[in-house]
Amino acid sequence: MSENRLPPGQYVPGPRAALHYGPVPRFRPQRWDLRVYGATESLGEYRWSWAEFDDLPRTDTVADFHCVTRFTIPGVRWRGVRASLLVDLAPPHPEATHVMVWAEYGYSANLRMADFLARDVLLATHRDGVRLTPEHGFPVRLVVPHLYGWKSVKWVRAIEYMTRDRRGFWEERGYHNLADPWSEQRYSYQEEPGQGPPLA
């Protein structure tokens, strides 16, 4: 990977363990579902069982993965359901501007609708040609390659459409609301006018 492809402050590490907050949840396929709710066009809720979700069309993307802790994993191959397809199947209300992505144990991350609809954003089920491992988010994780990795929520269970922004789990605990790695949007204090990235 060329160094000029790395966002500022990032490096390519050697082999490393997966990072996540809290315990790895147990997958129970008969009880698992994915919901879309909130400011939908119909004001109703959409739901897919595991069998229904696993039968949706898949696509592949290859993208670098940027963690806010400063490492970048180059060229990860993901396979999954495009977020834009899910939005087609569960249309948002015209006034919906953001989504909250919910995971097991109440973990969440907020995204602008435009970020969620970016072409390479997937609800991924596979990494590098095989099913996700539990530590990497099995059965489904969000992948948002153009933002820092905490926005790529593991163990996704619901998408909430919102008509105004609301901070998610890490955003409430001091991480930047937008998370663009190329602008080094790591911490919430940088949202103040005139505040840049922290000095190395």
C-alpha atoms as a PDB file:
ATOM      1  CA  MET A   1       0.000   0.000   0.000  1.00  0.00           C
ATOM      2  CA  SER A   2       1.412   3.378  -0.976  1.00  0.00           C
ATOM      3  CA  GLU A   3       1.932   5.766   1.936  1.00  0.00           C
ATOM      4  CA  ASN A   4       0.146   8.512   0.007  1.00  0.00           C
ATOM      5  CA  ARG A   5      -3.040   6.423   0.196  1.00  0.00           C
ATOM      6  CA  LEU A   6      -3.002   6.564   3.985  1.00  0.00           C
ATOM      7  CA  PRO A   7      -5.044   9.238   5.746  1.00  0.00           C
ATOM      8  CA  PRO A   8      -2.993  11.563   7.976  1.00  0.00           C
ATOM      9  CA  GLY A   9      -1.655   9.943  11.124  1.00  0.00           C
ATOM     10  CA  GLN A  10      -2.377   6.370  10.001  1.00  0.00           C
ATOM     11  CA  TYR A  11       0.004   3.395   9.611  1.00  0.00           C
ATOM     12  CA  VAL A  12      -0.259  -0.190   8.335  1.00  0.00           C
ATOM     13  CA  PRO A  13       0.156  -2.638  11.238  1.00  0.00           C
ATOM     14  CA  GLY A  14       1.187  -6.250  11.425  1.00  0.00           C
ATOM     15  CA  PRO A  15      -1.311  -8.978  12.372  1.00  0.00           C
ATOM     16  CA  ARG A  16      -3.584  -7.873  15.192  1.00  0.00           C
ATOM     17  CA  ALA A  17      -6.655  -8.998  17.100  1.00  0.00           C
ATOM     18  CA  ALA A  18     -10.084  -7.545  16.352  1.00  0.00           C
ATOM     19  CA  LEU A  19     -11.152  -4.585  18.503  1.00  0.00           C
ATOM     20  CA  HIS A  20     -14.648  -4.238  19.920  1.00  0.00           C
ATOM     21  CA  TYR A  21     -16.538  -2.895  22.896  1.00  0.00           C
ATOM     22  CA  GLY A  22     -18.137  -5.406  25.247  1.00  0.00           C
ATOM     23  CA  PRO A  23     -18.626  -9.167  24.837  1.00  0.00           C
ATOM     24  CA  VAL A  24     -19.117 -11.007  21.564  1.00  0.00           C
ATOM     25  CA  PRO A  25     -22.841 -11.817  21.288  1.00  0.00           C
ATOM     26  CA  ARG A  26     -24.137 -15.299  20.615  1.00  0.00           C
ATOM     27  CA  PHE A  27     -25.963 -15.698  17.287  1.00  0.00           C
ATOM     28  CA  ARG A  28     -29.401 -17.321  17.534  1.00  0.00           C
ATOM     29  CA  PRO A  29     -30.725 -17.540  13.948  1.00  0.00           C
ATOM     30  CA  GLN A  30     -34.284 -18.375  14.953  1.00  0.00           C
ATOM     31  CA  ARG A  31     -34.475 -15.188  17.054  1.00  0.00           C
ATOM     32  CA  TRP A  32     -32.352 -12.848  14.925  1.00  0.00           C
ATOM     33  CA  ASP A  33     -33.992 -10.140  12.853  1.00  0.00           C
ATOM     34  CA  LEU A  34     -33.048  -6.829  11.256  1.00  0.00           C
ATOM     35  CA  ARG A  35     -35.448  -3.927  11.671  1.00  0.00           C
ATOM     36  CA  VAL A  36     -35.746  -0.571   9.920  1.00  0.00           C
ATOM     37  CA  TYR A  37     -37.921   1.912  11.772  1.00  0.00           C
ATOM     38  CA  GLY A  38     -38.296   5.561  12.731  1.00  0.00           C
ATOM     39  CA  ALA A  39     -38.929   8.169  10.034  1.00  0.00           C
ATOM     40  CA  THR A  40     -39.860   5.745   7.276  1.00  0.00           C
ATOM     41  CA  GLU A  41     -41.954   6.865   4.317  1.00  0.00           C
ATOM     42  CA  SER A  42     -44.889   4.779   5.534  1.00  0.00           C
ATOM     43  CA  LEU A  43     -44.175   5.584   9.219  1.00  0.00           C
ATOM     44  CA  GLY A  44     -44.243   1.822   9.699  1.00  0.00           C
ATOM     45  CA  GLU A  45     -41.541  -0.712  10.534  1.00  0.00           C
ATOM     46  CA  TYR A  46     -39.744  -3.150   8.224  1.00  0.00           C
ATOM     47  CA  ARG A  47     -38.325  -6.461   9.361  1.00  0.00           C
ATOM     48  CA  TRP A  48     -36.230  -9.275   7.883  1.00  0.00           C
ATOM     49  CA  SER A  49     -35.665 -12.643   9.520  1.00  0.00           C
ATOM     50  CA  TRP A  50     -32.182 -14.116   9.196  1.00  0.00           C
ATOM     51  CA  ALA A  51     -33.284 -16.362   6.319  1.00  0.00           C
ATOM     52  CA  GLU A  52     -34.879 -13.396   4.520  1.00  0.00           C
ATOM     53  CA  PHE A  53     -31.895 -11.128   4.996  1.00  0.00           C
ATOM     54  CA  ASP A  54     -29.421 -13.834   3.995  1.00  0.00           C
ATOM     55  CA  ASP A  55     -31.359 -14.266   0.740  1.00  0.00           C
ATOM     56  CA  LEU A  56     -31.002 -10.598  -0.332  1.00  0.00           C
ATOM     57  CA  PRO A  57     -28.713  -9.803  -3.307  1.00  0.00           C
ATOM     58  CA  ARG A  58     -25.037  -9.367  -2.418  1.00  0.00           C
ATOM     59  CA  THR A  59     -22.256  -7.257  -3.827  1.00  0.00           C
ATOM     60  CA  ASP A  60     -18.492  -7.074  -3.286  1.00  0.00           C
ATOM     61  CA  THR A  61     -16.265  -4.135  -2.482  1.00  0.00           C
ATOM     62  CA  VAL A  62     -12.575  -3.803  -1.707  1.00  0.00           C
ATOM     63  CA  ALA A  63     -11.623  -0.936   0.578  1.00  0.00           C
ATOM     64  CA  ASP A  64      -9.111   0.159   3.184  1.00  0.00           C
ATOM     65  CA  PHE A  65     -10.272   0.089   6.806  1.00  0.00           C
ATOM     66  CA  HIS A  66      -9.207   3.048   8.953  1.00  0.00           C
ATOM     67  CA  CYS A  67      -9.326   2.763  12.750  1.00  0.00           C
ATOM     68  CA  VAL A  68      -9.360   5.879  14.909  1.00  0.00           C
ATOM     69  CA  THR A  69      -6.544   4.304  16.960  1.00  0.00           C
ATOM     70  CA  ARG A  70      -4.367   5.120  13.903  1.00  0.00           C
ATOM     71  CA  PHE A  71      -3.977   1.811  12.063  1.00  0.00           C
ATOM     72  CA  THR A  72      -5.210   1.152   8.522  1.00  0.00           C
ATOM     73  CA  ILE A  73      -5.829  -2.321   7.083  1.00  0.00           C
ATOM     74  CA  PRO A  74      -5.440  -2.027   3.296  1.00  0.00           C
ATOM     75  CA  GLY A  75      -7.540  -3.787   0.671  1.00  0.00           C
ATOM     76  CA  VAL A  76     -10.147  -5.606   2.758  1.00  0.00           C
ATOM     77  CA  ARG A  77     -12.599  -7.524   0.574  1.00  0.00           C
ATOM     78  CA  TRP A  78     -16.155  -7.300   1.896  1.00  0.00           C
ATOM     79  CA  ARG A  79     -19.321  -8.963   0.621  1.00  0.00           C
ATOM     80  CA  GLY A  80     -22.801  -8.014   1.693  1.00  0.00           C
ATOM     81  CA  VAL A  81     -26.047  -6.157   1.043  1.00  0.00           C
ATOM     82  CA  ARG A  82     -25.712  -2.568  -0.124  1.00  0.00           C
ATOM     83  CA  ALA A  83     -27.130  -0.112   2.396  1.00  0.00           C
ATOM     84  CA  SER A  84     -28.739   1.663  -0.553  1.00  0.00           C
ATOM     85  CA  LEU A  85     -30.657  -1.520  -1.420  1.00  0.00           C
ATOM     86  CA  LEU A  86     -32.013  -1.710   2.123  1.00  0.00           C
ATOM     87  CA  VAL A  87     -33.129   1.913   1.808  1.00  0.00           C
ATOM     88  CA  ASP A  88     -34.862   1.077  -1.484  1.00  0.00           C
ATOM     89  CA  LEU A  89     -36.726  -1.754   0.244  1.00  0.00           C
ATOM     90  CA  ALA A  90     -37.534   0.370   3.303  1.00  0.00           C
ATOM     91  CA  PRO A  91     -37.860   3.946   2.001  1.00  0.00           C
ATOM     92  CA  PRO A  92     -37.227   6.812   4.416  1.00  0.00           C
ATOM     93  CA  HIS A  93     -39.513   9.778   4.871  1.00  0.00           C
ATOM     94  CA  PRO A  94     -38.419  12.738   2.693  1.00  0.00           C
ATOM     95  CA  GLU A  95     -37.463  14.620   5.863  1.00  0.00           C
ATOM     96  CA  ALA A  96     -35.104  11.881   7.115  1.00  0.00           C
ATOM     97  CA  THR A  97     -31.550  13.238   7.212  1.00  0.00           C
ATOM     98  CA  HIS A  98     -29.639  10.762   9.405  1.00  0.00           C
ATOM     99  CA  VAL A  99     -29.625   7.152  10.531  1.00  0.00           C
ATOM    100  CA  MET A 100     -28.762   5.546  13.830  1.00  0.00           C
ATOM    101  CA  VAL A 101     -27.312   2.064  13.404  1.00  0.00           C
ATOM    102  CA  TRP A 102     -28.110  -0.140  16.398  1.00  0.00           C
ATOM    103  CA  ALA A 103     -26.254  -3.279  17.424  1.00  0.00           C
ATOM    104  CA  GLU A 104     -26.476  -5.946  20.092  1.00  0.00           C
ATOM    105  CA  TYR A 105     -26.299  -4.688  23.702  1.00  0.00           C
ATOM    106  CA  GLY A 106     -27.541  -1.224  22.694  1.00  0.00           C
ATOM    107  CA  TYR A 107     -24.369  -0.075  20.919  1.00  0.00           C
ATOM    108  CA  SER A 108     -25.051   2.606  18.293  1.00  0.00           C
ATOM    109  CA  ALA A 109     -23.435   4.946  15.760  1.00  0.00           C
ATOM    110  CA  ASN A 110     -24.998   7.856  13.907  1.00  0.00           C
ATOM    111  CA  LEU A 111     -24.473   8.644  10.219  1.00  0.00           C
ATOM    112  CA  ARG A 112     -25.652  11.260   7.802  1.00  0.00           C
ATOM    113  CA  MET A 113     -28.045   9.705   5.293  1.00  0.00           C
ATOM    114  CA  ALA A 114     -25.633  10.626   2.482  1.00  0.00           C
ATOM    115  CA  ASP A 115     -22.844   8.673   4.206  1.00  0.00           C
ATOM    116  CA  PHE A 116     -25.123   5.671   4.730  1.00  0.00           C
ATOM    117  CA  LEU A 117     -26.121   5.721   1.044  1.00  0.00           C
ATOM    118  CA  ALA A 118     -22.558   5.898  -0.320  1.00  0.00           C
ATOM    119  CA  ARG A 119     -21.977   3.259  -2.994  1.00  0.00           C
ATOM    120  CA  ASP A 120     -19.447   1.159  -1.073  1.00  0.00           C
ATOM    121  CA  VAL A 121     -21.387   1.035   2.218  1.00  0.00           C
ATOM    122  CA  LEU A 122     -22.477  -2.528   2.949  1.00  0.00           C
ATOM    123  CA  LEU A 123     -24.268  -4.587   5.536  1.00  0.00           C
ATOM    124  CA  ALA A 124     -21.488  -7.130   5.287  1.00  0.00           C
ATOM    125  CA  THR A 125     -21.757 -10.856   5.860  1.00  0.00           C
ATOM    126  CA  HIS A 126     -18.351 -11.918   4.464  1.00  0.00           C
ATOM    127  CA  ARG A 127     -14.758 -10.735   4.728  1.00  0.00           C
ATOM    128  CA  ASP A 128     -12.019 -11.916   2.376  1.00  0.00           C
ATOM    129  CA  GLY A 129     -14.277 -14.580   0.871  1.00  0.00           C
ATOM    130  CA  VAL A 130     -15.551 -16.239   4.052  1.00  0.00           C
ATOM    131  CA  ARG A 131     -18.326 -15.570   6.554  1.00  0.00           C
ATOM    132  CA  LEU A 132     -17.496 -13.023   9.188  1.00  0.00           C
ATOM    133  CA  THR A 133     -16.084 -14.440  12.387  1.00  0.00           C
ATOM    134  CA  PRO A 134     -17.961 -13.621  15.594  1.00  0.00           C
ATOM    135  CA  GLU A 135     -15.166 -11.209  16.602  1.00  0.00           C
ATOM    136  CA  HIS A 136     -15.540  -9.324  13.308  1.00  0.00           C
ATOM    137  CA  GLY A 137     -19.307  -8.901  13.601  1.00  0.00           C
ATOM    138  CA  PHE A 138     -20.990 -12.156  12.515  1.00  0.00           C
ATOM    139  CA  PRO A 139     -23.656 -12.397  11.258  1.00  0.00           C
ATOM    140  CA  VAL A 140     -23.915  -8.792   9.947  1.00  0.00           C
ATOM    141  CA  ARG A 141     -21.802  -5.685  10.342  1.00  0.00           C
ATOM    142  CA  LEU A 142     -21.991  -2.301   8.723  1.00  0.00           C
ATOM    143  CA  VAL A 143     -18.979  -1.312   6.612  1.00  0.00           C
ATOM    144  CA  VAL A 144     -18.475   2.412   5.936  1.00  0.00           C
ATOM    145  CA  PRO A 145     -15.015   2.530   4.322  1.00  0.00           C
ATOM    146  CA  HIS A 146     -14.801   6.311   3.962  1.00  0.00           C
ATOM    147  CA  LEU A 147     -15.216   6.919   7.730  1.00  0.00           C
ATOM    148  CA  TYR A 148     -13.284   5.797  10.798  1.00  0.00           C
ATOM    149  CA  GLY A 149     -13.978   2.231  11.843  1.00  0.00           C
ATOM    150  CA  TRP A 150     -16.187   2.913  14.863  1.00  0.00           C
ATOM    151  CA  LYS A 151     -18.927   3.913  12.398  1.00  0.00           C
ATOM    152  CA  SER A 152     -18.689   0.390  10.884  1.00  0.00           C
ATOM    153  CA  VAL A 153     -20.927  -1.133  13.545  1.00  0.00           C
ATOM    154  CA  LYS A 154     -20.593  -4.850  14.322  1.00  0.00           C
ATOM    155  CA  TRP A 155     -23.541  -7.155  15.127  1.00  0.00           C
ATOM    156  CA  VAL A 156     -26.114  -4.863  13.514  1.00  0.00           C
ATOM    157  CA  ARG A 157     -29.742  -5.363  14.519  1.00  0.00           C
ATOM    158  CA  ALA A 158     -31.606  -2.196  13.495  1.00  0.00           C
ATOM    159  CA  ILE A 159     -31.506   0.955  11.389  1.00  0.00           C
ATOM    160  CA  GLU A 160     -33.380   3.972  12.722  1.00  0.00           C
ATOM    161  CA  TYR A 161     -34.189   6.794  10.300  1.00  0.00           C
ATOM    162  CA  MET A 162     -34.030  10.216  11.944  1.00  0.00           C
ATOM    163  CA  THR A 163     -35.169  13.699  10.917  1.00  0.00           C
ATOM    164  CA  ARG A 164     -32.356  15.293  12.922  1.00  0.00           C
ATOM    165  CA  ASP A 165     -28.981  14.155  14.143  1.00  0.00           C
ATOM    166  CA  ARG A 166     -28.394  12.399  17.465  1.00  0.00           C
ATOM    167  CA  ARG A 167     -25.069  11.136  18.755  1.00  0.00           C
ATOM    168  CA  GLY A 168     -24.324   7.433  19.057  1.00  0.00           C
ATOM    169  CA  PHE A 169     -22.352   5.486  21.662  1.00  0.00           C
ATOM    170  CA  TRP A 170     -18.802   6.718  20.993  1.00  0.00           C
ATOM    171  CA  GLU A 171     -19.935  10.130  19.808  1.00  0.00           C
ATOM    172  CA  GLU A 172     -21.458  10.688  23.260  1.00  0.00           C
ATOM    173  CA  ARG A 173     -18.116   9.690  24.793  1.00  0.00           C
ATOM    174  CA  GLY A 174     -15.882  12.179  23.030  1.00  0.00           C
ATOM    175  CA  TYR A 175     -15.452  10.960  19.466  1.00  0.00           C
ATOM    176  CA  HIS A 176     -16.066  13.249  16.500  1.00  0.00           C
ATOM    177  CA  ASN A 177     -19.599  13.290  15.144  1.00  0.00           C
ATOM    178  CA  LEU A 178     -18.557  12.893  11.472  1.00  0.00           C
ATOM    179  CA  ALA A 179     -15.396  10.710  11.560  1.00  0.00           C
ATOM    180  CA  ASP A 180     -13.720  11.575   8.246  1.00  0.00           C
ATOM    181  CA  PRO A 181     -10.205  10.050   8.418  1.00  0.00           C
ATOM    182  CA  TRP A 182      -8.819  12.312   5.688  1.00  0.00           C
ATOM    183  CA  SER A 183      -9.666  15.342   7.853  1.00  0.00           C
ATOM    184  CA  GLU A 184      -8.566  13.523  11.053  1.00  0.00           C
ATOM    185  CA  GLN A 185     -11.970  14.001  12.649  1.00  0.00           C
ATOM    186  CA  ARG A 186     -11.151  11.889  15.697  1.00  0.00           C
ATOM    187  CA  TYR A 187     -12.441  13.791  18.744  1.00  0.00           C
ATOM    188  CA  SER A 188     -15.458  15.923  19.551  1.00  0.00           C
ATOM    189  CA  TYR A 189     -13.414  18.959  20.623  1.00  0.00           C
ATOM    190  CA  GLN A 190     -12.327  19.266  16.964  1.00  0.00           C
ATOM    191  CA  GLU A 191     -15.899  20.205  16.088  1.00  0.00           C
ATOM    192  CA  GLU A 192     -15.289  23.614  17.661  1.00  0.00           C
ATOM    193  CA  PRO A 193     -14.355  26.363  15.156  1.00  0.00           C
ATOM    194  CA  GLY A 194     -10.624  26.634  14.595  1.00  0.00           C
ATOM    195  CA  GLN A 195      -9.789  23.268  16.185  1.00  0.00           C
ATOM    196  CA  GLY A 196      -7.674  20.935  14.082  1.00  0.00           C
ATOM    197  CA  PRO A 197      -6.366  17.411  14.676  1.00  0.00           C
ATOM    198  CA  PRO A 198      -4.328  16.719  17.802  1.00  0.00           C
ATOM    199  CA  LEU A 199      -0.576  17.146  17.532  1.00  0.00           C
ATOM    200  CA  ALA A 200       1.440  13.948  17.220  1.00  0.00           C
END
